Amino acid sequence: MTRRIYEFECSEGHVTERFIDESERTTECAECGIPAGRVVSPVTSVLDPISGTYPGATMKWARYRQQKIQQERKENRE
């Protein structure tokens, strides 16, 4: 028996989450008490427009690049 968090929606439009056995397809609505069916929720993910990876990856690369440039300039002056 594997338990997971699923979203359920009743015919009145109430959406609730339940920690329930994965074989369960319906449950009672927490707001109105009528049967609610399991719904598939969209996954929200945001990718960086430049690198195509997760946000912050480009900023991390830019900071690292600036540090390397400063280090190289310092070495060239010596």
C-alpha atoms as a PDB file:
ATOM      1  CA  MET A   1       0.000   0.000   0.000  1.00  0.00           C
ATOM      2  CA  THR A   2       1.558   3.270  -1.167  1.00  0.00           C
ATOM      3  CA  ARG A   3       0.121   6.540   0.081  1.00  0.00           C
ATOM      4  CA  ARG A   4       0.581   9.808  -1.791  1.00  0.00           C
ATOM      5  CA  ILE A   5      -0.907  13.287  -1.935  1.00  0.00           C
ATOM      6  CA  TYR A   6      -3.555  13.653  -4.631  1.00  0.00           C
ATOM      7  CA  GLU A   7      -5.952  16.430  -5.594  1.00  0.00           C
ATOM      8  CA  PHE A   8      -9.663  15.716  -5.744  1.00  0.00           C
ATOM      9  CA  GLU A   9     -12.430  17.845  -7.270  1.00  0.00           C
ATOM     10  CA  CYS A  10     -16.157  17.514  -6.667  1.00  0.00           C
ATOM     11  CA  SER A  11     -18.975  18.482  -9.073  1.00  0.00           C
ATOM     12  CA  GLU A  12     -19.367  21.784  -7.161  1.00  0.00           C
ATOM     13  CA  GLY A  13     -15.802  22.753  -8.137  1.00  0.00           C
ATOM     14  CA  HIS A  14     -14.194  22.386  -4.707  1.00  0.00           C
ATOM     15  CA  VAL A  15     -10.584  21.175  -4.923  1.00  0.00           C
ATOM     16  CA  THR A  16      -8.966  19.446  -1.957  1.00  0.00           C
ATOM     17  CA  GLU A  17      -5.759  17.515  -1.374  1.00  0.00           C
ATOM     18  CA  ARG A  18      -5.640  14.205   0.453  1.00  0.00           C
ATOM     19  CA  PHE A  19      -2.846  11.918   1.599  1.00  0.00           C
ATOM     20  CA  ILE A  20      -4.446   8.685   0.439  1.00  0.00           C
ATOM     21  CA  ASP A  21      -3.714   5.205  -0.932  1.00  0.00           C
ATOM     22  CA  GLU A  22      -2.810   5.415  -4.624  1.00  0.00           C
ATOM     23  CA  SER A  23      -5.531   2.928  -5.596  1.00  0.00           C
ATOM     24  CA  GLU A  24      -8.301   5.258  -4.351  1.00  0.00           C
ATOM     25  CA  ARG A  25      -9.968   7.188  -7.172  1.00  0.00           C
ATOM     26  CA  THR A  26     -12.692   9.010  -5.220  1.00  0.00           C
ATOM     27  CA  THR A  27     -13.089  10.501  -1.764  1.00  0.00           C
ATOM     28  CA  GLU A  28     -15.564  12.680   0.079  1.00  0.00           C
ATOM     29  CA  CYS A  29     -15.290  16.437  -0.537  1.00  0.00           C
ATOM     30  CA  ALA A  30     -14.078  18.214   2.590  1.00  0.00           C
ATOM     31  CA  GLU A  31     -16.365  21.215   1.948  1.00  0.00           C
ATOM     32  CA  CYS A  32     -19.694  19.773   0.815  1.00  0.00           C
ATOM     33  CA  GLY A  33     -19.447  16.038   1.478  1.00  0.00           C
ATOM     34  CA  ILE A  34     -20.301  14.825  -2.038  1.00  0.00           C
ATOM     35  CA  PRO A  35     -18.004  12.402  -3.897  1.00  0.00           C
ATOM     36  CA  ALA A  36     -14.900  13.985  -5.418  1.00  0.00           C
ATOM     37  CA  GLY A  37     -12.812  12.416  -8.180  1.00  0.00           C
ATOM     38  CA  ARG A  38      -9.048  12.468  -8.476  1.00  0.00           C
ATOM     39  CA  VAL A  39      -7.685  15.041 -10.928  1.00  0.00           C
ATOM     40  CA  VAL A  40      -4.346  15.326 -12.678  1.00  0.00           C
ATOM     41  CA  SER A  41      -2.589  18.513 -11.617  1.00  0.00           C
ATOM     42  CA  PRO A  42      -0.258  20.358 -13.972  1.00  0.00           C
ATOM     43  CA  VAL A  43       3.373  20.571 -12.985  1.00  0.00           C
ATOM     44  CA  THR A  44       4.732  24.083 -12.775  1.00  0.00           C
ATOM     45  CA  SER A  45       8.310  24.485 -13.853  1.00  0.00           C
ATOM     46  CA  VAL A  46      10.174  27.554 -14.992  1.00  0.00           C
ATOM     47  CA  LEU A  47      13.254  27.390 -17.152  1.00  0.00           C
ATOM     48  CA  ASP A  48      15.801  30.124 -17.676  1.00  0.00           C
ATOM     49  CA  PRO A  49      15.306  31.671 -21.159  1.00  0.00           C
ATOM     50  CA  ILE A  50      19.031  31.856 -21.914  1.00  0.00           C
ATOM     51  CA  SER A  51      20.502  28.608 -20.652  1.00  0.00           C
ATOM     52  CA  GLY A  52      17.372  26.438 -20.732  1.00  0.00           C
ATOM     53  CA  THR A  53      18.094  25.223 -17.213  1.00  0.00           C
ATOM     54  CA  TYR A  54      16.522  26.218 -13.933  1.00  0.00           C
ATOM     55  CA  PRO A  55      16.395  29.899 -12.875  1.00  0.00           C
ATOM     56  CA  GLY A  56      19.572  31.136 -11.345  1.00  0.00           C
ATOM     57  CA  ALA A  57      21.856  28.955 -13.462  1.00  0.00           C
ATOM     58  CA  THR A  58      22.654  31.838 -15.816  1.00  0.00           C
ATOM     59  CA  MET A  59      23.218  34.220 -12.897  1.00  0.00           C
ATOM     60  CA  LYS A  60      25.535  31.701 -11.224  1.00  0.00           C
ATOM     61  CA  TRP A  61      27.469  31.281 -14.467  1.00  0.00           C
ATOM     62  CA  ALA A  62      27.720  35.088 -14.894  1.00  0.00           C
ATOM     63  CA  ARG A  63      29.033  35.552 -11.328  1.00  0.00           C
ATOM     64  CA  TYR A  64      31.599  32.802 -11.846  1.00  0.00           C
ATOM     65  CA  ARG A  65      32.639  34.336 -15.178  1.00  0.00           C
ATOM     66  CA  GLN A  66      33.108  37.789 -13.594  1.00  0.00           C
ATOM     67  CA  GLN A  67      35.260  36.270 -10.848  1.00  0.00           C
ATOM     68  CA  LYS A  68      37.422  34.498 -13.446  1.00  0.00           C
ATOM     69  CA  ILE A  69      37.833  37.713 -15.482  1.00  0.00           C
ATOM     70  CA  GLN A  70      38.869  39.654 -12.373  1.00  0.00           C
ATOM     71  CA  GLN A  71      41.309  36.917 -11.401  1.00  0.00           C
ATOM     72  CA  GLU A  72      42.867  36.883 -14.894  1.00  0.00           C
ATOM     73  CA  ARG A  73      43.204  40.686 -14.928  1.00  0.00           C
ATOM     74  CA  LYS A  74      44.900  40.585 -11.530  1.00  0.00           C
ATOM     75  CA  GLU A  75      47.332  37.901 -12.716  1.00  0.00           C
ATOM     76  CA  ASN A  76      48.134  39.887 -15.887  1.00  0.00           C
ATOM     77  CA  ARG A  77      48.974  43.011 -13.864  1.00  0.00           C
ATOM     78  CA  GLU A  78      51.521  41.158 -11.749  1.00  0.00           C
END
